[in-house]
Amino acid sequence: VQLQASGGGLVQAGGSLRLSCAASGRTFDIYAIGWFRQAPGKEREFVMSISWNGGTTVYADFVKSRFTISKDNAKNTVYLQMNSLKPEDTAVYYCAAQTYTGSPLLSESYGYWGQGTLVTVSS
């Protein structure tokens, strides 16, 4: 499985960004696509995930109603729409393919990772 993340950039607080994660290769091995983020000096943390059939989404508490996740089945692409961005959302965002059974909240459940895309939110 190969993952290509894109869509990061610089945005002012309160603004929006849409991240994309395009999957290719053995996509039939994928249970779900998850987004994680890592801010400078902090550990990587789970953001949101969507099952490969698009039926189940999971999100971290800090997302609340600001972020949504969706999937374009024809393009094998997952989107993370981020609204009302805050400076504390600044991080490198990674998409990952869950290929092991287990909780989608845990990075250990993911066998493949994209390269990361930087999101910077200015105050």
N, C-alpha and C. Protein backbone atom coordinates (compact mmCIF):
# COMPACT_ATOMS: atom_id res chain seq x y z
N VAL A 1 0.85 -1.19 0.00
CA VAL A 1 0.00 0.00 0.00
C VAL A 1 0.88 1.24 0.00
N GLN A 2 0.55 2.17 -0.88
CA GLN A 2 1.25 3.46 -0.91
C GLN A 2 0.23 4.56 -0.60
N LEU A 3 0.67 5.52 0.19
CA LEU A 3 -0.19 6.63 0.59
C LEU A 3 0.48 7.94 0.24
N GLN A 4 -0.28 8.83 -0.36
CA GLN A 4 0.23 10.14 -0.73
C GLN A 4 -0.65 11.19 -0.07
N ALA A 5 -0.08 11.89 0.91
CA ALA A 5 -0.81 12.94 1.61
C ALA A 5 -0.49 14.29 0.99
N SER A 6 -1.49 15.16 0.96
CA SER A 6 -1.29 16.50 0.43
C SER A 6 -2.32 17.44 1.02
N GLY A 7 -2.13 18.74 0.75
CA GLY A 7 -3.12 19.72 1.16
C GLY A 7 -2.73 20.62 2.31
N GLY A 8 -1.59 20.36 2.93
CA GLY A 8 -1.17 21.21 4.02
C GLY A 8 -0.79 22.60 3.55
N GLY A 9 -0.59 23.49 4.52
CA GLY A 9 -0.20 24.84 4.18
C GLY A 9 -0.32 25.76 5.36
N LEU A 10 -0.23 27.04 5.07
CA LEU A 10 -0.32 28.08 6.10
C LEU A 10 -1.71 28.72 6.04
N VAL A 11 -2.35 28.80 7.18
CA VAL A 11 -3.69 29.38 7.23
C VAL A 11 -3.82 30.18 8.52
N GLN A 12 -4.65 31.20 8.50
CA GLN A 12 -4.89 31.98 9.71
C GLN A 12 -5.88 31.26 10.61
N ALA A 13 -5.81 31.57 11.89
CA ALA A 13 -6.75 31.00 12.84
C ALA A 13 -8.19 31.28 12.39
N GLY A 14 -9.02 30.27 12.51
CA GLY A 14 -10.40 30.37 12.04
C GLY A 14 -10.59 29.92 10.62
N GLY A 15 -9.50 29.71 9.90
CA GLY A 15 -9.58 29.29 8.51
C GLY A 15 -9.77 27.79 8.35
N SER A 16 -9.72 27.36 7.10
CA SER A 16 -9.98 25.96 6.77
C SER A 16 -8.91 25.42 5.83
N LEU A 17 -8.72 24.12 5.91
CA LEU A 17 -7.86 23.38 4.98
C LEU A 17 -8.48 22.02 4.74
N ARG A 18 -8.22 21.47 3.56
CA ARG A 18 -8.64 20.11 3.29
C ARG A 18 -7.41 19.28 2.92
N LEU A 19 -7.17 18.27 3.70
CA LEU A 19 -6.07 17.36 3.42
C LEU A 19 -6.60 16.17 2.63
N SER A 20 -5.74 15.66 1.76
CA SER A 20 -6.08 14.49 0.96
C SER A 20 -5.09 13.38 1.21
N CYS A 21 -5.58 12.16 1.13
CA CYS A 21 -4.72 10.98 1.26
C CYS A 21 -5.14 9.99 0.18
N ALA A 22 -4.29 9.86 -0.83
CA ALA A 22 -4.58 8.97 -1.94
C ALA A 22 -3.89 7.63 -1.71
N ALA A 23 -4.65 6.56 -1.76
CA ALA A 23 -4.11 5.23 -1.53
C ALA A 23 -4.00 4.47 -2.85
N SER A 24 -2.95 3.67 -2.96
CA SER A 24 -2.76 2.84 -4.15
C SER A 24 -2.11 1.53 -3.72
N GLY A 25 -2.05 0.62 -4.65
CA GLY A 25 -1.47 -0.68 -4.34
C GLY A 25 -2.51 -1.65 -3.82
N ARG A 26 -2.16 -2.41 -2.79
CA ARG A 26 -3.02 -3.45 -2.23
C ARG A 26 -4.09 -2.85 -1.31
N THR A 27 -4.95 -2.06 -1.90
CA THR A 27 -5.96 -1.36 -1.09
C THR A 27 -6.97 -2.33 -0.46
N PHE A 28 -7.05 -3.53 -1.00
CA PHE A 28 -7.97 -4.51 -0.43
C PHE A 28 -7.49 -5.01 0.94
N ASP A 29 -6.25 -4.66 1.32
CA ASP A 29 -5.73 -5.00 2.64
C ASP A 29 -6.10 -3.97 3.70
N ILE A 30 -6.72 -2.88 3.28
CA ILE A 30 -6.95 -1.75 4.19
C ILE A 30 -8.26 -1.93 4.95
N TYR A 31 -8.19 -1.79 6.29
CA TYR A 31 -9.39 -1.75 7.11
C TYR A 31 -9.94 -0.33 7.21
N ALA A 32 -9.02 0.60 7.35
CA ALA A 32 -9.42 2.00 7.57
C ALA A 32 -8.25 2.90 7.22
N ILE A 33 -8.56 4.14 6.99
CA ILE A 33 -7.54 5.19 6.83
C ILE A 33 -7.66 6.12 8.03
N GLY A 34 -6.54 6.37 8.65
CA GLY A 34 -6.53 7.26 9.80
C GLY A 34 -5.63 8.45 9.55
N TRP A 35 -5.96 9.52 10.22
CA TRP A 35 -5.11 10.72 10.24
C TRP A 35 -4.54 10.88 11.65
N PHE A 36 -3.25 11.11 11.69
CA PHE A 36 -2.56 11.41 12.93
C PHE A 36 -1.84 12.74 12.75
N ARG A 37 -1.43 13.33 13.85
CA ARG A 37 -0.65 14.56 13.74
C ARG A 37 0.43 14.58 14.82
N GLN A 38 1.47 15.29 14.50
CA GLN A 38 2.57 15.44 15.46
C GLN A 38 3.04 16.88 15.46
N ALA A 39 2.86 17.52 16.58
CA ALA A 39 3.31 18.90 16.76
C ALA A 39 4.76 18.88 17.25
N PRO A 40 5.47 19.96 17.04
CA PRO A 40 6.87 20.02 17.49
C PRO A 40 6.99 19.74 18.98
N GLY A 41 7.86 18.79 19.32
CA GLY A 41 8.09 18.48 20.71
C GLY A 41 7.04 17.63 21.37
N LYS A 42 6.06 17.18 20.59
CA LYS A 42 4.98 16.37 21.16
C LYS A 42 4.92 15.01 20.47
N GLU A 43 4.21 14.10 21.11
CA GLU A 43 4.04 12.78 20.53
C GLU A 43 2.97 12.82 19.44
N ARG A 44 3.06 11.84 18.56
CA ARG A 44 2.05 11.71 17.53
C ARG A 44 0.72 11.36 18.17
N GLU A 45 -0.36 11.97 17.70
CA GLU A 45 -1.68 11.69 18.26
C GLU A 45 -2.70 11.44 17.16
N PHE A 46 -3.68 10.64 17.52
CA PHE A 46 -4.75 10.29 16.60
C PHE A 46 -5.67 11.48 16.39
N VAL A 47 -6.15 11.66 15.15
CA VAL A 47 -7.09 12.72 14.83
C VAL A 47 -8.45 12.14 14.45
N MET A 48 -8.50 11.44 13.34
CA MET A 48 -9.75 10.85 12.87
C MET A 48 -9.43 9.64 12.01
N SER A 49 -10.43 8.79 11.83
CA SER A 49 -10.28 7.67 10.92
C SER A 49 -11.62 7.36 10.26
N ILE A 50 -11.55 6.68 9.14
CA ILE A 50 -12.75 6.25 8.43
C ILE A 50 -12.49 4.84 7.92
N SER A 51 -13.48 3.98 8.07
CA SER A 51 -13.32 2.62 7.56
C SER A 51 -13.23 2.65 6.04
N TRP A 52 -12.61 1.62 5.49
CA TRP A 52 -12.38 1.63 4.05
C TRP A 52 -13.69 1.61 3.26
N ASN A 53 -14.73 1.04 3.84
CA ASN A 53 -16.03 1.09 3.17
C ASN A 53 -16.78 2.38 3.47
N GLY A 54 -16.18 3.23 4.27
CA GLY A 54 -16.77 4.53 4.56
C GLY A 54 -17.87 4.53 5.59
N GLY A 55 -18.14 3.37 6.19
CA GLY A 55 -19.28 3.29 7.06
C GLY A 55 -19.06 3.72 8.49
N THR A 56 -17.82 3.74 8.92
CA THR A 56 -17.53 4.03 10.33
C THR A 56 -16.45 5.09 10.43
N THR A 57 -16.72 6.10 11.23
CA THR A 57 -15.71 7.12 11.50
C THR A 57 -15.44 7.18 12.99
N VAL A 58 -14.23 7.51 13.33
CA VAL A 58 -13.81 7.65 14.72
C VAL A 58 -13.04 8.97 14.81
N TYR A 59 -13.23 9.70 15.91
CA TYR A 59 -12.53 10.96 16.01
C TYR A 59 -12.06 11.20 17.43
N ALA A 60 -11.02 11.99 17.53
CA ALA A 60 -10.51 12.38 18.83
C ALA A 60 -11.39 13.47 19.42
N ASP A 61 -11.40 13.57 20.72
CA ASP A 61 -12.27 14.53 21.39
C ASP A 61 -11.99 15.96 20.95
N PHE A 62 -10.72 16.29 20.70
CA PHE A 62 -10.41 17.68 20.40
C PHE A 62 -10.94 18.10 19.03
N VAL A 63 -11.32 17.13 18.20
CA VAL A 63 -11.86 17.45 16.88
C VAL A 63 -13.23 18.10 17.02
N LYS A 64 -14.05 17.55 17.92
CA LYS A 64 -15.43 17.99 18.15
C LYS A 64 -16.15 18.12 16.82
N SER A 65 -16.69 19.26 16.49
CA SER A 65 -17.41 19.40 15.23
C SER A 65 -16.59 20.16 14.20
N ARG A 66 -15.31 20.36 14.44
CA ARG A 66 -14.50 21.18 13.54
C ARG A 66 -14.01 20.42 12.32
N PHE A 67 -13.69 19.15 12.49
CA PHE A 67 -13.12 18.34 11.40
C PHE A 67 -14.14 17.32 10.92
N THR A 68 -14.11 17.03 9.65
CA THR A 68 -14.89 15.93 9.10
C THR A 68 -13.99 15.09 8.19
N ILE A 69 -14.33 13.82 8.06
CA ILE A 69 -13.56 12.92 7.22
C ILE A 69 -14.50 12.27 6.23
N SER A 70 -14.01 12.08 5.02
CA SER A 70 -14.84 11.47 3.98
C SER A 70 -13.95 10.68 3.03
N LYS A 71 -14.59 9.90 2.18
CA LYS A 71 -13.83 9.04 1.26
C LYS A 71 -14.48 9.06 -0.11
N ASP A 72 -13.64 9.20 -1.12
CA ASP A 72 -14.07 9.08 -2.51
C ASP A 72 -13.67 7.69 -2.98
N ASN A 73 -14.64 6.81 -3.09
CA ASN A 73 -14.33 5.41 -3.42
C ASN A 73 -13.73 5.28 -4.81
N ALA A 74 -14.17 6.09 -5.74
CA ALA A 74 -13.67 6.00 -7.12
C ALA A 74 -12.20 6.38 -7.21
N LYS A 75 -11.78 7.28 -6.32
CA LYS A 75 -10.40 7.76 -6.35
C LYS A 75 -9.52 7.13 -5.27
N ASN A 76 -10.12 6.27 -4.44
CA ASN A 76 -9.37 5.70 -3.31
C ASN A 76 -8.67 6.79 -2.51
N THR A 77 -9.40 7.86 -2.29
CA THR A 77 -8.84 9.02 -1.60
C THR A 77 -9.70 9.38 -0.40
N VAL A 78 -9.04 9.66 0.70
CA VAL A 78 -9.70 10.09 1.93
C VAL A 78 -9.37 11.56 2.16
N TYR A 79 -10.39 12.30 2.56
CA TYR A 79 -10.23 13.74 2.79
C TYR A 79 -10.45 14.06 4.26
N LEU A 80 -9.65 14.95 4.76
CA LEU A 80 -9.84 15.48 6.11
C LEU A 80 -10.11 16.98 5.98
N GLN A 81 -11.36 17.34 6.18
CA GLN A 81 -11.75 18.74 6.11
C GLN A 81 -11.61 19.34 7.49
N MET A 82 -10.78 20.36 7.60
CA MET A 82 -10.52 20.99 8.89
C MET A 82 -11.02 22.43 8.86
N ASN A 83 -11.95 22.74 9.71
CA ASN A 83 -12.53 24.08 9.81
C ASN A 83 -12.22 24.67 11.18
N SER A 84 -12.41 25.98 11.28
CA SER A 84 -12.18 26.68 12.55
C SER A 84 -10.83 26.31 13.15
N LEU A 85 -9.82 26.36 12.32
CA LEU A 85 -8.49 25.94 12.77
C LEU A 85 -7.95 26.88 13.84
N LYS A 86 -7.19 26.28 14.75
CA LYS A 86 -6.59 26.99 15.87
C LYS A 86 -5.07 26.86 15.79
N PRO A 87 -4.35 27.78 16.39
CA PRO A 87 -2.87 27.65 16.38
C PRO A 87 -2.40 26.31 16.95
N GLU A 88 -3.12 25.76 17.90
CA GLU A 88 -2.73 24.47 18.47
C GLU A 88 -2.96 23.30 17.53
N ASP A 89 -3.58 23.54 16.38
CA ASP A 89 -3.71 22.50 15.36
C ASP A 89 -2.45 22.41 14.49
N THR A 90 -1.52 23.32 14.68
CA THR A 90 -0.28 23.29 13.92
C THR A 90 0.48 21.99 14.18
N ALA A 91 0.78 21.28 13.11
CA ALA A 91 1.45 19.99 13.24
C ALA A 91 1.72 19.44 11.84
N VAL A 92 2.51 18.39 11.80
CA VAL A 92 2.62 17.58 10.59
C VAL A 92 1.51 16.53 10.68
N TYR A 93 0.70 16.47 9.64
CA TYR A 93 -0.41 15.53 9.60
C TYR A 93 -0.03 14.35 8.71
N TYR A 94 -0.25 13.17 9.24
CA TYR A 94 0.06 11.93 8.53
C TYR A 94 -1.20 11.13 8.29
N CYS A 95 -1.32 10.57 7.11
CA CYS A 95 -2.37 9.58 6.93
C CYS A 95 -1.73 8.20 6.97
N ALA A 96 -2.52 7.25 7.39
CA ALA A 96 -2.01 5.90 7.57
C ALA A 96 -3.10 4.89 7.22
N ALA A 97 -2.67 3.73 6.78
CA ALA A 97 -3.60 2.67 6.42
C ALA A 97 -3.60 1.62 7.52
N GLN A 98 -4.78 1.39 8.10
CA GLN A 98 -4.89 0.35 9.10
C GLN A 98 -4.98 -0.99 8.40
N THR A 99 -4.00 -1.81 8.65
CA THR A 99 -3.94 -3.13 8.04
C THR A 99 -3.89 -4.25 9.07
N TYR A 100 -3.99 -3.89 10.34
CA TYR A 100 -4.04 -4.87 11.42
C TYR A 100 -5.33 -4.69 12.19
N THR A 101 -5.85 -5.77 12.73
CA THR A 101 -7.03 -5.64 13.57
C THR A 101 -6.62 -4.94 14.86
N GLY A 102 -7.57 -4.26 15.44
CA GLY A 102 -7.28 -3.52 16.66
C GLY A 102 -7.93 -2.15 16.60
N SER A 103 -7.63 -1.35 17.60
CA SER A 103 -8.26 -0.04 17.67
C SER A 103 -7.69 0.91 16.62
N PRO A 104 -8.54 1.63 15.90
CA PRO A 104 -8.05 2.61 14.93
C PRO A 104 -7.40 3.81 15.60
N LEU A 105 -7.55 3.92 16.92
CA LEU A 105 -6.95 5.05 17.63
C LEU A 105 -5.45 4.85 17.86
N LEU A 106 -4.99 3.62 17.71
CA LEU A 106 -3.61 3.30 18.05
C LEU A 106 -2.74 3.23 16.79
N SER A 107 -1.61 3.89 16.82
CA SER A 107 -0.72 3.88 15.66
C SER A 107 -0.21 2.48 15.35
N GLU A 108 -0.20 1.60 16.35
CA GLU A 108 0.28 0.23 16.13
C GLU A 108 -0.63 -0.56 15.21
N SER A 109 -1.85 -0.09 15.01
CA SER A 109 -2.80 -0.78 14.13
C SER A 109 -2.56 -0.48 12.66
N TYR A 110 -1.67 0.45 12.40
CA TYR A 110 -1.47 0.93 11.02
C TYR A 110 -0.15 0.40 10.47
N GLY A 111 -0.23 -0.20 9.28
CA GLY A 111 0.95 -0.80 8.70
C GLY A 111 1.66 0.06 7.67
N TYR A 112 0.97 1.07 7.18
CA TYR A 112 1.54 1.92 6.13
C TYR A 112 1.25 3.38 6.46
N TRP A 113 2.25 4.21 6.20
CA TRP A 113 2.14 5.63 6.52
C TRP A 113 2.52 6.47 5.32
N GLY A 114 1.81 7.58 5.15
CA GLY A 114 2.18 8.56 4.15
C GLY A 114 3.32 9.42 4.66
N GLN A 115 3.76 10.34 3.84
CA GLN A 115 4.95 11.13 4.14
C GLN A 115 4.69 12.31 5.06
N GLY A 116 3.45 12.66 5.30
CA GLY A 116 3.15 13.80 6.16
C GLY A 116 3.03 15.09 5.38
N THR A 117 2.14 15.93 5.87
CA THR A 117 1.95 17.24 5.26
C THR A 117 1.82 18.26 6.39
N LEU A 118 2.52 19.37 6.25
CA LEU A 118 2.61 20.35 7.33
C LEU A 118 1.43 21.31 7.29
N VAL A 119 0.78 21.46 8.43
CA VAL A 119 -0.28 22.44 8.61
C VAL A 119 0.20 23.46 9.63
N THR A 120 0.18 24.72 9.24
CA THR A 120 0.59 25.79 10.14
C THR A 120 -0.56 26.78 10.27
N VAL A 121 -0.99 27.00 11.50
CA VAL A 121 -2.09 27.92 11.76
C VAL A 121 -1.53 29.11 12.52
N SER A 122 -1.63 30.27 11.92
CA SER A 122 -1.11 31.48 12.56
C SER A 122 -2.21 32.17 13.36
N SER A 123 -1.78 32.83 14.42
CA SER A 123 -2.76 33.51 15.29
C SER A 123 -2.99 34.94 14.86
